[in-house]
Amino acid sequence: MYGILLVDDERWVRTSLRRVVGQTGLPFEVRHECANGLEAMDWLEANGADLVLADIKMPVMDGMALAERLKGRCDVVIVSGHDDFPLVQKALRSGVRDYLLKPVEAEEMQVCLNRWVESRAAAPQPGPPPGERICTSCPRSSRCCGLSTSHFPATLRCRRWPHAFT
């Protein structure tokens, strides 16, 4: 099951997106909701998500700034009510996976999530260097902290969840 973080300043939009994700029938669950990008960054520091669905215009930190900060750490899909080509272009150039227009229909969400799953399956999965072990028992995410135990004491714990390394 893949985890999604919803980020939008309007609660009713987050509720709608949660419902649309559920209607796709795909192996995704909404793990948390945040009202802005800064709140999302704070939540992601302590928790895991495979994909972030974020509004482009929000107070405090907008979706573009969030996407730039998460580049290489977590995939972002922008969900916006703005059908403005330069804005879409800027978002896609900043590395977002997709750009969906509100209101998002279940079919559009299904296509977006399927495309994300397929690209993830096709991408090579990084592994530890030979002779090193990594944390492999995180039940909450398909990705973990990725810390290697070769240079750390045997009592090292995963920085996201309190379990032992294997």
Protein backbone atom coordinates (compact mmCIF):
# COMPACT_ATOMS: atom_id res chain seq x y z
CA MET A 1 0.00 0.00 0.00
CA TYR A 2 1.43 3.36 -1.06
CA GLY A 3 1.06 6.34 1.26
CA ILE A 4 -0.16 9.76 0.15
CA LEU A 5 0.16 13.10 1.92
CA LEU A 6 -2.54 15.64 0.95
CA VAL A 7 -1.53 19.31 1.14
CA ASP A 8 -4.16 21.98 0.49
CA ASP A 9 -5.26 25.03 2.46
CA GLU A 10 -8.95 24.23 1.92
CA ARG A 11 -10.29 21.39 4.06
CA TRP A 12 -13.14 20.54 1.65
CA VAL A 13 -10.60 20.06 -1.16
CA ARG A 14 -8.58 17.66 1.00
CA THR A 15 -11.79 15.76 1.80
CA SER A 16 -12.66 15.58 -1.90
CA LEU A 17 -9.16 14.40 -2.85
CA ARG A 18 -9.28 11.72 -0.14
CA ARG A 19 -12.57 10.46 -1.59
CA VAL A 20 -11.24 10.50 -5.18
CA VAL A 21 -8.11 8.55 -4.20
CA GLY A 22 -10.35 5.95 -2.55
CA GLN A 23 -12.55 5.70 -5.65
CA THR A 24 -9.61 4.72 -7.85
CA GLY A 25 -9.45 1.26 -6.26
CA LEU A 26 -5.65 1.41 -6.39
CA PRO A 27 -3.34 0.42 -3.49
CA PHE A 28 -3.08 3.96 -2.06
CA GLU A 29 -4.02 5.31 1.33
CA VAL A 30 -4.07 8.91 2.52
CA ARG A 31 -1.74 8.91 5.53
CA HIS A 32 -2.15 12.53 6.54
CA GLU A 33 -3.46 15.95 5.53
CA CYS A 34 -1.71 19.31 5.89
CA ALA A 35 -2.89 22.89 5.28
CA ASN A 36 0.36 24.24 3.78
CA GLY A 37 3.81 23.25 2.59
CA LEU A 38 5.60 24.08 5.83
CA GLU A 39 3.27 21.86 7.82
CA ALA A 40 3.86 19.12 5.23
CA MET A 41 7.65 19.46 5.54
CA ASP A 42 7.38 19.15 9.33
CA TRP A 43 5.18 16.08 9.05
CA LEU A 44 7.44 14.43 6.48
CA GLU A 45 10.47 14.84 8.76
CA ALA A 46 8.94 12.39 11.23
CA ASN A 47 6.72 10.29 8.95
CA GLY A 48 6.76 8.74 5.54
CA ALA A 49 4.78 9.21 2.36
CA ASP A 50 5.43 7.89 -1.09
CA LEU A 51 3.58 10.64 -2.92
CA VAL A 52 2.48 14.18 -2.08
CA LEU A 53 -0.60 15.73 -3.68
CA ALA A 54 -0.26 19.49 -3.17
CA ASP A 55 -2.15 22.62 -4.14
CA ILE A 56 -0.03 25.12 -6.02
CA LYS A 57 -1.24 28.26 -4.20
CA MET A 58 -1.29 28.15 -0.39
CA PRO A 59 -0.30 30.50 2.41
CA VAL A 60 2.99 30.07 4.31
CA MET A 61 4.60 27.73 1.72
CA ASP A 62 2.99 27.01 -1.63
CA GLY A 63 3.09 23.79 -3.63
CA MET A 64 5.90 24.97 -5.91
CA ALA A 65 8.22 25.71 -3.00
CA LEU A 66 7.28 22.38 -1.41
CA ALA A 67 8.02 20.51 -4.64
CA GLU A 68 11.43 22.18 -4.93
CA ARG A 69 12.32 21.27 -1.35
CA LEU A 70 11.18 17.67 -1.77
CA LYS A 71 12.99 17.16 -5.07
CA GLY A 72 14.75 13.80 -4.93
CA ARG A 73 13.15 12.86 -1.60
CA CYS A 74 9.48 12.42 -2.43
CA ASP A 75 7.39 12.66 -5.59
CA VAL A 76 4.91 15.53 -5.88
CA VAL A 77 1.76 15.91 -7.96
CA ILE A 78 0.35 19.43 -8.16
CA VAL A 79 -3.42 19.77 -7.87
CA SER A 80 -4.59 23.23 -8.88
CA GLY A 81 -7.53 25.28 -10.00
CA HIS A 82 -5.23 27.41 -12.15
CA ASP A 83 -5.29 26.52 -15.85
CA ASP A 84 -2.35 28.80 -16.63
CA PHE A 85 0.20 27.34 -19.06
CA PRO A 86 3.27 29.21 -17.69
CA LEU A 87 2.40 27.98 -14.20
CA VAL A 88 2.00 24.39 -15.43
CA GLN A 89 5.26 24.67 -17.34
CA LYS A 90 7.11 26.01 -14.28
CA ALA A 91 5.72 23.18 -12.14
CA LEU A 92 6.73 20.46 -14.59
CA ARG A 93 10.19 21.96 -15.02
CA SER A 94 10.65 21.98 -11.25
CA GLY A 95 10.27 18.19 -11.20
CA VAL A 96 6.65 17.52 -10.25
CA ARG A 97 5.29 14.21 -11.51
CA ASP A 98 1.97 15.54 -12.82
CA TYR A 99 -0.34 18.56 -12.80
CA LEU A 100 -4.04 17.90 -12.19
CA LEU A 101 -6.80 20.50 -12.53
CA LYS A 102 -9.50 20.83 -9.87
CA PRO A 103 -12.01 19.38 -9.58
CA VAL A 104 -10.14 16.10 -10.01
CA GLU A 105 -12.22 13.24 -11.34
CA ALA A 106 -11.58 9.64 -10.27
CA GLU A 107 -10.53 8.65 -13.81
CA GLU A 108 -7.90 11.41 -13.97
CA MET A 109 -6.56 10.45 -10.55
CA GLN A 110 -6.45 6.79 -11.56
CA VAL A 111 -4.42 7.58 -14.69
CA CYS A 112 -2.03 9.77 -12.67
CA LEU A 113 -1.54 7.19 -9.90
CA ASN A 114 -1.15 4.30 -12.37
CA ARG A 115 1.49 6.27 -14.28
CA TRP A 116 3.31 6.96 -10.99
CA VAL A 117 3.24 3.25 -10.00
CA GLU A 118 4.51 2.20 -13.44
CA SER A 119 7.36 4.71 -13.38
CA ARG A 120 8.32 3.59 -9.91
CA ALA A 121 8.33 -0.08 -10.92
CA ALA A 122 10.51 0.69 -13.94
CA ALA A 123 13.05 2.72 -11.95
CA PRO A 124 16.05 0.84 -10.52
CA GLN A 125 15.80 0.46 -6.77
CA PRO A 126 18.92 1.64 -4.94
CA GLY A 127 20.50 -0.84 -2.60
CA PRO A 128 23.22 -0.77 0.01
CA PRO A 129 26.86 -1.20 -0.95
CA PRO A 130 28.13 -4.80 -0.75
CA GLY A 131 28.52 -6.01 2.84
CA GLU A 132 26.27 -3.33 4.33
CA ARG A 133 22.80 -3.73 5.76
CA ILE A 134 19.94 -1.27 5.69
CA CYS A 135 16.74 -0.94 7.62
CA THR A 136 14.22 -3.17 5.83
CA SER A 137 11.36 -3.55 8.28
CA CYS A 138 9.42 -0.29 8.07
CA PRO A 139 5.75 -1.30 8.00
CA ARG A 140 4.45 2.20 7.26
CA SER A 141 6.16 2.95 3.99
CA SER A 142 7.62 1.25 0.98
CA ARG A 143 10.68 3.42 1.57
CA CYS A 144 12.61 3.80 4.77
CA CYS A 145 15.33 6.00 6.11
CA GLY A 146 17.96 4.06 4.13
CA LEU A 147 20.58 4.34 6.85
CA SER A 148 23.38 1.82 6.61
CA THR A 149 24.56 0.00 9.71
CA SER A 150 28.12 -0.65 8.59
CA HIS A 151 29.53 2.41 10.37
CA PHE A 152 27.13 2.51 13.30
CA PRO A 153 26.69 0.49 16.49
CA ALA A 154 24.42 -2.55 16.45
CA THR A 155 21.90 -0.67 18.58
CA LEU A 156 21.16 1.85 15.84
CA ARG A 157 17.47 2.33 15.23
CA CYS A 158 15.59 3.60 12.21
CA ARG A 159 15.23 7.37 12.42
CA ARG A 160 11.57 7.18 11.33
CA TRP A 161 10.21 4.27 13.36
CA PRO A 162 11.57 2.53 16.46
CA HIS A 163 12.58 -0.88 15.18
CA ALA A 164 15.88 -2.66 14.88
CA PHE A 165 17.93 -2.95 11.73
CA THR A 166 18.14 -6.35 10.06
